[in-house]
Amino acid sequence: PRRGCDASFLEQLIAYNPRRIVYVSCRADTLARDLGVLVGAGYQLLHVQPFDMFPQTRHIENVATLDWPHHRPRLQPSDAVGAALGALS
């Protein structure tokens, strides 16, 4: 969704513990906010690629790839989301 992921979804995603996340977003501001939460939880941002799907408009799609570096311990989902969202407020 354009509004990005809500805190409960991010908590569930972090708890699910995927090794890799591919995040597609049409809004750079919500992408940046949500990437901040995921990176704060321990994920490593590998790549962000913008795609101009709608030429001659201001609309850009972004695809971000995150990976879990296995050598770092995981945070508890609620701690990671709370800390990251608090820092963005």
PDB file of N, CA and C in Angstrom:
ATOM      1  N   PRO A   1       0.821  -1.207   0.000  1.00  0.00           N
ATOM      2  CA  PRO A   1       0.000   0.000   0.000  1.00  0.00           C
ATOM      3  C   PRO A   1       0.859   1.262   0.000  1.00  0.00           C
ATOM      4  N   ARG A   2       0.311   2.344  -0.479  1.00  0.00           N
ATOM      5  CA  ARG A   2       1.060   3.597  -0.552  1.00  0.00           C
ATOM      6  C   ARG A   2       1.460   4.120   0.813  1.00  0.00           C
ATOM      7  N   ARG A   3       0.683   3.801   1.812  1.00  0.00           N
ATOM      8  CA  ARG A   3       1.013   4.302   3.155  1.00  0.00           C
ATOM      9  C   ARG A   3       2.135   3.492   3.798  1.00  0.00           C
ATOM     10  N   GLY A   4       2.634   2.480   3.112  1.00  0.00           N
ATOM     11  CA  GLY A   4       3.704   1.652   3.652  1.00  0.00           C
ATOM     12  C   GLY A   4       3.150   0.578   4.567  1.00  0.00           C
ATOM     13  N   CYS A   5       4.028  -0.022   5.336  1.00  0.00           N
ATOM     14  CA  CYS A   5       3.641  -1.093   6.256  1.00  0.00           C
ATOM     15  C   CYS A   5       3.331  -0.501   7.621  1.00  0.00           C
ATOM     16  N   ASP A   6       2.276  -1.003   8.264  1.00  0.00           N
ATOM     17  CA  ASP A   6       2.008  -0.522   9.617  1.00  0.00           C
ATOM     18  C   ASP A   6       2.872  -1.300  10.609  1.00  0.00           C
ATOM     19  N   ALA A   7       2.902  -0.824  11.838  1.00  0.00           N
ATOM     20  CA  ALA A   7       3.784  -1.403  12.851  1.00  0.00           C
ATOM     21  C   ALA A   7       3.482  -2.882  13.094  1.00  0.00           C
ATOM     22  N   SER A   8       2.202  -3.269  13.091  1.00  0.00           N
ATOM     23  CA  SER A   8       1.872  -4.674  13.355  1.00  0.00           C
ATOM     24  C   SER A   8       2.379  -5.580  12.231  1.00  0.00           C
ATOM     25  N   PHE A   9       2.306  -5.113  10.986  1.00  0.00           N
ATOM     26  CA  PHE A   9       2.834  -5.932   9.887  1.00  0.00           C
ATOM     27  C   PHE A   9       4.347  -6.067  10.006  1.00  0.00           C
ATOM     28  N   LEU A  10       5.033  -4.962  10.306  1.00  0.00           N
ATOM     29  CA  LEU A  10       6.493  -5.028  10.438  1.00  0.00           C
ATOM     30  C   LEU A  10       6.898  -5.957  11.577  1.00  0.00           C
ATOM     31  N   GLU A  11       6.160  -5.925  12.693  1.00  0.00           N
ATOM     32  CA  GLU A  11       6.443  -6.852  13.794  1.00  0.00           C
ATOM     33  C   GLU A  11       6.284  -8.300  13.342  1.00  0.00           C
ATOM     34  N   GLN A  12       5.197  -8.591  12.604  1.00  0.00           N
ATOM     35  CA  GLN A  12       4.971  -9.955  12.123  1.00  0.00           C
ATOM     36  C   GLN A  12       6.055 -10.381  11.135  1.00  0.00           C
ATOM     37  N   LEU A  13       6.444  -9.467  10.261  1.00  0.00           N
ATOM     38  CA  LEU A  13       7.480  -9.779   9.281  1.00  0.00           C
ATOM     39  C   LEU A  13       8.802 -10.101   9.967  1.00  0.00           C
ATOM     40  N   ILE A  14       9.190  -9.291  10.940  1.00  0.00           N
ATOM     41  CA  ILE A  14      10.438  -9.522  11.659  1.00  0.00           C
ATOM     42  C   ILE A  14      10.355 -10.833  12.442  1.00  0.00           C
ATOM     43  N   ALA A  15       9.199 -11.112  13.058  1.00  0.00           N
ATOM     44  CA  ALA A  15       9.022 -12.356  13.810  1.00  0.00           C
ATOM     45  C   ALA A  15       9.054 -13.580  12.889  1.00  0.00           C
ATOM     46  N   TYR A  16       8.537 -13.440  11.685  1.00  0.00           N
ATOM     47  CA  TYR A  16       8.540 -14.542  10.716  1.00  0.00           C
ATOM     48  C   TYR A  16       9.967 -14.912  10.325  1.00  0.00           C
ATOM     49  N   ASN A  17      10.853 -13.930  10.369  1.00  0.00           N
ATOM     50  CA  ASN A  17      12.272 -14.185  10.239  1.00  0.00           C
ATOM     51  C   ASN A  17      12.724 -14.615   8.833  1.00  0.00           C
ATOM     52  N   PRO A  18      12.261 -13.953   7.796  1.00  0.00           N
ATOM     53  CA  PRO A  18      12.732 -14.358   6.466  1.00  0.00           C
ATOM     54  C   PRO A  18      14.207 -14.014   6.270  1.00  0.00           C
ATOM     55  N   ARG A  19      14.897 -14.843   5.514  1.00  0.00           N
ATOM     56  CA  ARG A  19      16.307 -14.590   5.232  1.00  0.00           C
ATOM     57  C   ARG A  19      16.464 -13.413   4.289  1.00  0.00           C
ATOM     58  N   ARG A  20      15.564 -13.260   3.332  1.00  0.00           N
ATOM     59  CA  ARG A  20      15.637 -12.174   2.357  1.00  0.00           C
ATOM     60  C   ARG A  20      14.255 -11.536   2.223  1.00  0.00           C
ATOM     61  N   ILE A  21      14.254 -10.219   2.070  1.00  0.00           N
ATOM     62  CA  ILE A  21      13.018  -9.464   1.849  1.00  0.00           C
ATOM     63  C   ILE A  21      13.196  -8.653   0.576  1.00  0.00           C
ATOM     64  N   VAL A  22      12.205  -8.725  -0.311  1.00  0.00           N
ATOM     65  CA  VAL A  22      12.156  -7.864  -1.494  1.00  0.00           C
ATOM     66  C   VAL A  22      10.934  -6.978  -1.308  1.00  0.00           C
ATOM     67  N   TYR A  23      11.170  -5.695  -1.176  1.00  0.00           N
ATOM     68  CA  TYR A  23      10.127  -4.722  -0.850  1.00  0.00           C
ATOM     69  C   TYR A  23       9.916  -3.839  -2.079  1.00  0.00           C
ATOM     70  N   VAL A  24       8.681  -3.800  -2.578  1.00  0.00           N
ATOM     71  CA  VAL A  24       8.325  -2.966  -3.731  1.00  0.00           C
ATOM     72  C   VAL A  24       7.450  -1.832  -3.224  1.00  0.00           C
ATOM     73  N   SER A  25       7.805  -0.609  -3.601  1.00  0.00           N
ATOM     74  CA  SER A  25       7.090   0.556  -3.090  1.00  0.00           C
ATOM     75  C   SER A  25       6.942   1.622  -4.169  1.00  0.00           C
ATOM     76  N   CYS A  26       5.817   2.323  -4.114  1.00  0.00           N
ATOM     77  CA  CYS A  26       5.603   3.433  -5.050  1.00  0.00           C
ATOM     78  C   CYS A  26       5.826   4.785  -4.377  1.00  0.00           C
ATOM     79  N   ARG A  27       6.192   4.768  -3.092  1.00  0.00           N
ATOM     80  CA  ARG A  27       6.454   6.020  -2.372  1.00  0.00           C
ATOM     81  C   ARG A  27       7.782   5.931  -1.651  1.00  0.00           C
ATOM     82  N   ALA A  28       8.697   6.782  -2.030  1.00  0.00           N
ATOM     83  CA  ALA A  28      10.040   6.760  -1.453  1.00  0.00           C
ATOM     84  C   ALA A  28      10.022   7.093   0.039  1.00  0.00           C
ATOM     85  N   ASP A  29       9.103   7.950   0.488  1.00  0.00           N
ATOM     86  CA  ASP A  29       9.096   8.329   1.903  1.00  0.00           C
ATOM     87  C   ASP A  29       8.684   7.173   2.807  1.00  0.00           C
ATOM     88  N   THR A  30       7.655   6.417   2.425  1.00  0.00           N
ATOM     89  CA  THR A  30       7.260   5.279   3.253  1.00  0.00           C
ATOM     90  C   THR A  30       8.266   4.135   3.117  1.00  0.00           C
ATOM     91  N   LEU A  31       8.876   4.006   1.961  1.00  0.00           N
ATOM     92  CA  LEU A  31       9.929   2.998   1.786  1.00  0.00           C
ATOM     93  C   LEU A  31      11.085   3.296   2.741  1.00  0.00           C
ATOM     94  N   ALA A  32      11.519   4.542   2.789  1.00  0.00           N
ATOM     95  CA  ALA A  32      12.624   4.926   3.671  1.00  0.00           C
ATOM     96  C   ALA A  32      12.263   4.665   5.133  1.00  0.00           C
ATOM     97  N   ARG A  33      11.045   5.003   5.519  1.00  0.00           N
ATOM     98  CA  ARG A  33      10.611   4.767   6.900  1.00  0.00           C
ATOM     99  C   ARG A  33      10.654   3.282   7.246  1.00  0.00           C
ATOM    100  N   ASP A  34      10.077   2.453   6.371  1.00  0.00           N
ATOM    101  CA  ASP A  34      10.010   1.016   6.636  1.00  0.00           C
ATOM    102  C   ASP A  34      11.385   0.351   6.547  1.00  0.00           C
ATOM    103  N   LEU A  35      12.225   0.817   5.637  1.00  0.00           N
ATOM    104  CA  LEU A  35      13.584   0.283   5.570  1.00  0.00           C
ATOM    105  C   LEU A  35      14.338   0.614   6.853  1.00  0.00           C
ATOM    106  N   GLY A  36      14.082   1.785   7.420  1.00  0.00           N
ATOM    107  CA  GLY A  36      14.705   2.149   8.687  1.00  0.00           C
ATOM    108  C   GLY A  36      14.351   1.170   9.796  1.00  0.00           C
ATOM    109  N   VAL A  37      13.094   0.739   9.819  1.00  0.00           N
ATOM    110  CA  VAL A  37      12.653  -0.241  10.817  1.00  0.00           C
ATOM    111  C   VAL A  37      13.354  -1.576  10.588  1.00  0.00           C
ATOM    112  N   LEU A  38      13.378  -2.026   9.340  1.00  0.00           N
ATOM    113  CA  LEU A  38      13.972  -3.334   9.032  1.00  0.00           C
ATOM    114  C   LEU A  38      15.480  -3.345   9.260  1.00  0.00           C
ATOM    115  N   VAL A  39      16.148  -2.270   8.880  1.00  0.00           N
ATOM    116  CA  VAL A  39      17.592  -2.174   9.133  1.00  0.00           C
ATOM    117  C   VAL A  39      17.837  -2.087  10.644  1.00  0.00           C
ATOM    118  N   GLY A  40      16.996  -1.359  11.346  1.00  0.00           N
ATOM    119  CA  GLY A  40      17.116  -1.283  12.800  1.00  0.00           C
ATOM    120  C   GLY A  40      16.919  -2.627  13.482  1.00  0.00           C
ATOM    121  N   ALA A  41      16.155  -3.520  12.853  1.00  0.00           N
ATOM    122  CA  ALA A  41      15.938  -4.868  13.395  1.00  0.00           C
ATOM    123  C   ALA A  41      17.091  -5.804  13.064  1.00  0.00           C
ATOM    124  N   GLY A  42      18.017  -5.351  12.221  1.00  0.00           N
ATOM    125  CA  GLY A  42      19.191  -6.166  11.917  1.00  0.00           C
ATOM    126  C   GLY A  42      19.354  -6.573  10.473  1.00  0.00           C
ATOM    127  N   TYR A  43      18.368  -6.255   9.634  1.00  0.00           N
ATOM    128  CA  TYR A  43      18.510  -6.589   8.213  1.00  0.00           C
ATOM    129  C   TYR A  43      19.526  -5.669   7.551  1.00  0.00           C
ATOM    130  N   GLN A  44      20.180  -6.177   6.545  1.00  0.00           N
ATOM    131  CA  GLN A  44      21.159  -5.402   5.780  1.00  0.00           C
ATOM    132  C   GLN A  44      20.523  -5.024   4.439  1.00  0.00           C
ATOM    133  N   LEU A  45      20.524  -3.744   4.125  1.00  0.00           N
ATOM    134  CA  LEU A  45      20.008  -3.266   2.849  1.00  0.00           C
ATOM    135  C   LEU A  45      21.060  -3.536   1.777  1.00  0.00           C
ATOM    136  N   LEU A  46      20.703  -4.381   0.813  1.00  0.00           N
ATOM    137  CA  LEU A  46      21.647  -4.753  -0.230  1.00  0.00           C
ATOM    138  C   LEU A  46      21.570  -3.842  -1.446  1.00  0.00           C
ATOM    139  N   HIS A  47      20.341  -3.467  -1.833  1.00  0.00           N
ATOM    140  CA  HIS A  47      20.193  -2.743  -3.093  1.00  0.00           C
ATOM    141  C   HIS A  47      18.820  -2.080  -3.149  1.00  0.00           C
ATOM    142  N   VAL A  48      18.778  -0.888  -3.716  1.00  0.00           N
ATOM    143  CA  VAL A  48      17.506  -0.226  -4.032  1.00  0.00           C
ATOM    144  C   VAL A  48      17.575   0.175  -5.500  1.00  0.00           C
ATOM    145  N   GLN A  49      16.572  -0.239  -6.259  1.00  0.00           N
ATOM    146  CA  GLN A  49      16.539   0.057  -7.691  1.00  0.00           C
ATOM    147  C   GLN A  49      15.239   0.778  -8.031  1.00  0.00           C
ATOM    148  N   PRO A  50      15.322   2.027  -8.483  1.00  0.00           N
ATOM    149  CA  PRO A  50      14.111   2.708  -8.942  1.00  0.00           C
ATOM    150  C   PRO A  50      13.753   2.273 -10.367  1.00  0.00           C
ATOM    151  N   PHE A  51      12.464   2.234 -10.642  1.00  0.00           N
ATOM    152  CA  PHE A  51      11.963   1.905 -11.983  1.00  0.00           C
ATOM    153  C   PHE A  51      10.990   2.997 -12.406  1.00  0.00           C
ATOM    154  N   ASP A  52      11.219   3.571 -13.566  1.00  0.00           N
ATOM    155  CA  ASP A  52      10.333   4.597 -14.113  1.00  0.00           C
ATOM    156  C   ASP A  52       9.280   3.902 -14.963  1.00  0.00           C
ATOM    157  N   MET A  53       8.225   3.448 -14.298  1.00  0.00           N
ATOM    158  CA  MET A  53       7.156   2.712 -14.976  1.00  0.00           C
ATOM    159  C   MET A  53       6.177   3.653 -15.689  1.00  0.00           C
ATOM    160  N   PHE A  54       6.212   4.918 -15.321  1.00  0.00           N
ATOM    161  CA  PHE A  54       5.274   5.887 -15.861  1.00  0.00           C
ATOM    162  C   PHE A  54       6.055   7.086 -16.378  1.00  0.00           C
ATOM    163  N   PRO A  55       6.643   6.974 -17.553  1.00  0.00           N
ATOM    164  CA  PRO A  55       7.493   8.052 -18.083  1.00  0.00           C
ATOM    165  C   PRO A  55       6.773   9.402 -18.118  1.00  0.00           C
ATOM    166  N   GLN A  56       7.551  10.429 -17.896  1.00  0.00           N
ATOM    167  CA  GLN A  56       7.113  11.814 -17.928  1.00  0.00           C
ATOM    168  C   GLN A  56       6.084  12.137 -16.845  1.00  0.00           C
ATOM    169  N   THR A  57       6.133  11.356 -15.754  1.00  0.00           N
ATOM    170  CA  THR A  57       5.373  11.681 -14.542  1.00  0.00           C
ATOM    171  C   THR A  57       6.357  11.642 -13.386  1.00  0.00           C
ATOM    172  N   ARG A  58       5.917  12.022 -12.219  1.00  0.00           N
ATOM    173  CA  ARG A  58       6.795  11.994 -11.053  1.00  0.00           C
ATOM    174  C   ARG A  58       6.750  10.652 -10.335  1.00  0.00           C
ATOM    175  N   HIS A  59       6.011   9.680 -10.847  1.00  0.00           N
ATOM    176  CA  HIS A  59       5.826   8.395 -10.179  1.00  0.00           C
ATOM    177  C   HIS A  59       6.967   7.432 -10.503  1.00  0.00           C
ATOM    178  N   ILE A  60       7.619   6.959  -9.444  1.00  0.00           N
ATOM    179  CA  ILE A  60       8.726   6.013  -9.566  1.00  0.00           C
ATOM    180  C   ILE A  60       8.430   4.827  -8.656  1.00  0.00           C
ATOM    181  N   GLU A  61       8.586   3.624  -9.162  1.00  0.00           N
ATOM    182  CA  GLU A  61       8.508   2.426  -8.335  1.00  0.00           C
ATOM    183  C   GLU A  61       9.919   2.106  -7.852  1.00  0.00           C
ATOM    184  N   ASN A  62      10.039   1.632  -6.626  1.00  0.00           N
ATOM    185  CA  ASN A  62      11.336   1.269  -6.059  1.00  0.00           C
ATOM    186  C   ASN A  62      11.292  -0.172  -5.574  1.00  0.00           C
ATOM    187  N   VAL A  63      12.343  -0.909  -5.845  1.00  0.00           N
ATOM    188  CA  VAL A  63      12.470  -2.274  -5.361  1.00  0.00           C
ATOM    189  C   VAL A  63      13.717  -2.329  -4.479  1.00  0.00           C
ATOM    190  N   ALA A  64      13.523  -2.696  -3.225  1.00  0.00           N
ATOM    191  CA  ALA A  64      14.626  -2.802  -2.270  1.00  0.00           C
ATOM    192  C   ALA A  64      14.812  -4.265  -1.891  1.00  0.00           C
ATOM    193  N   THR A  65      16.056  -4.670  -1.780  1.00  0.00           N
ATOM    194  CA  THR A  65      16.386  -6.029  -1.356  1.00  0.00           C
ATOM    195  C   THR A  65      17.154  -5.958  -0.048  1.00  0.00           C
ATOM    196  N   LEU A  66      16.670  -6.701   0.940  1.00  0.00           N
ATOM    197  CA  LEU A  66      17.318  -6.769   2.250  1.00  0.00           C
ATOM    198  C   LEU A  66      17.663  -8.222   2.549  1.00  0.00           C
ATOM    199  N   ASP A  67      18.727  -8.421   3.295  1.00  0.00           N
ATOM    200  CA  ASP A  67      19.176  -9.761   3.646  1.00  0.00           C
ATOM    201  C   ASP A  67      19.486  -9.790   5.129  1.00  0.00           C
ATOM    202  N   TRP A  68      19.325 -10.971   5.749  1.00  0.00           N
ATOM    203  CA  TRP A  68      19.661 -11.123   7.153  1.00  0.00           C
ATOM    204  C   TRP A  68      21.089 -11.634   7.255  1.00  0.00           C
ATOM    205  N   PRO A  69      21.992 -10.842   7.823  1.00  0.00           N
ATOM    206  CA  PRO A  69      23.359 -11.327   8.038  1.00  0.00           C
ATOM    207  C   PRO A  69      23.350 -12.301   9.220  1.00  0.00           C
ATOM    208  N   HIS A  70      23.673 -13.530   8.963  1.00  0.00           N
ATOM    209  CA  HIS A  70      23.494 -14.598   9.955  1.00  0.00           C
ATOM    210  C   HIS A  70      24.388 -14.476  11.177  1.00  0.00           C
ATOM    211  N   HIS A  71      25.434 -13.690  11.118  1.00  0.00           N
ATOM    212  CA  HIS A  71      26.347 -13.595  12.249  1.00  0.00           C
ATOM    213  C   HIS A  71      25.873 -12.628  13.333  1.00  0.00           C
ATOM    214  N   ARG A  72      24.791 -11.904  13.096  1.00  0.00           N
ATOM    215  CA  ARG A  72      24.301 -10.958  14.101  1.00  0.00           C
ATOM    216  C   ARG A  72      23.073 -11.529  14.803  1.00  0.00           C
ATOM    217  N   PRO A  73      22.935 -11.335  16.119  1.00  0.00           N
ATOM    218  CA  PRO A  73      21.736 -11.811  16.818  1.00  0.00           C
ATOM    219  C   PRO A  73      20.515 -10.984  16.427  1.00  0.00           C
ATOM    220  N   ARG A  74      19.368 -11.602  16.485  1.00  0.00           N
ATOM    221  CA  ARG A  74      18.118 -10.923  16.141  1.00  0.00           C
ATOM    222  C   ARG A  74      17.563 -10.167  17.341  1.00  0.00           C
ATOM    223  N   LEU A  75      16.926  -9.040  17.060  1.00  0.00           N
ATOM    224  CA  LEU A  75      16.190  -8.304  18.087  1.00  0.00           C
ATOM    225  C   LEU A  75      14.787  -8.870  18.193  1.00  0.00           C
ATOM    226  N   GLN A  76      14.139  -8.619  19.305  1.00  0.00           N
ATOM    227  CA  GLN A  76      12.729  -8.967  19.420  1.00  0.00           C
ATOM    228  C   GLN A  76      11.940  -8.022  18.521  1.00  0.00           C
ATOM    229  N   PRO A  77      10.925  -8.514  17.785  1.00  0.00           N
ATOM    230  CA  PRO A  77      10.197  -7.662  16.831  1.00  0.00           C
ATOM    231  C   PRO A  77       9.663  -6.374  17.437  1.00  0.00           C
ATOM    232  N   SER A  78       9.025  -6.444  18.601  1.00  0.00           N
ATOM    233  CA  SER A  78       8.428  -5.232  19.165  1.00  0.00           C
ATOM    234  C   SER A  78       9.501  -4.220  19.565  1.00  0.00           C
ATOM    235  N   ASP A  79      10.661  -4.687  20.031  1.00  0.00           N
ATOM    236  CA  ASP A  79      11.757  -3.779  20.373  1.00  0.00           C
ATOM    237  C   ASP A  79      12.264  -3.057  19.138  1.00  0.00           C
ATOM    238  N   ALA A  80      12.458  -3.786  18.059  1.00  0.00           N
ATOM    239  CA  ALA A  80      12.998  -3.215  16.829  1.00  0.00           C
ATOM    240  C   ALA A  80      12.037  -2.206  16.219  1.00  0.00           C
ATOM    241  N   VAL A  81      10.761  -2.551  16.135  1.00  0.00           N
ATOM    242  CA  VAL A  81       9.766  -1.663  15.530  1.00  0.00           C
ATOM    243  C   VAL A  81       9.563  -0.444  16.399  1.00  0.00           C
ATOM    244  N   GLY A  82       9.445  -0.620  17.707  1.00  0.00           N
ATOM    245  CA  GLY A  82       9.241   0.509  18.606  1.00  0.00           C
ATOM    246  C   GLY A  82      10.389   1.489  18.567  1.00  0.00           C
ATOM    247  N   ALA A  83      11.595   0.971  18.587  1.00  0.00           N
ATOM    248  CA  ALA A  83      12.773   1.851  18.559  1.00  0.00           C
ATOM    249  C   ALA A  83      12.864   2.617  17.243  1.00  0.00           C
ATOM    250  N   ALA A  84      12.641   1.922  16.137  1.00  0.00           N
ATOM    251  CA  ALA A  84      12.761   2.567  14.833  1.00  0.00           C
ATOM    252  C   ALA A  84      11.651   3.587  14.594  1.00  0.00           C
ATOM    253  N   LEU A  85      10.419   3.240  14.950  1.00  0.00           N
ATOM    254  CA  LEU A  85       9.317   4.176  14.750  1.00  0.00           C
ATOM    255  C   LEU A  85       9.433   5.355  15.704  1.00  0.00           C
ATOM    256  N   GLY A  86       9.945   5.140  16.909  1.00  0.00           N
ATOM    257  CA  GLY A  86      10.146   6.233  17.848  1.00  0.00           C
ATOM    258  C   GLY A  86      11.183   7.226  17.348  1.00  0.00           C
ATOM    259  N   ALA A  87      12.209   6.711  16.702  1.00  0.00           N
ATOM    260  CA  ALA A  87      13.256   7.582  16.159  1.00  0.00           C
ATOM    261  C   ALA A  87      12.760   8.404  14.994  1.00  0.00           C
ATOM    262  N   LEU A  88      11.725   7.910  14.300  1.00  0.00           N
ATOM    263  CA  LEU A  88      11.201   8.623  13.138  1.00  0.00           C
ATOM    264  C   LEU A  88      10.150   9.661  13.508  1.00  0.00           C
ATOM    265  N   SER A  89       9.674   9.618  14.752  1.00  0.00           N
ATOM    266  CA  SER A  89       8.619  10.544  15.183  1.00  0.00           C
ATOM    267  C   SER A  89       9.158  11.934  15.413  1.00  0.00           C
TER     268      SER A  89
END
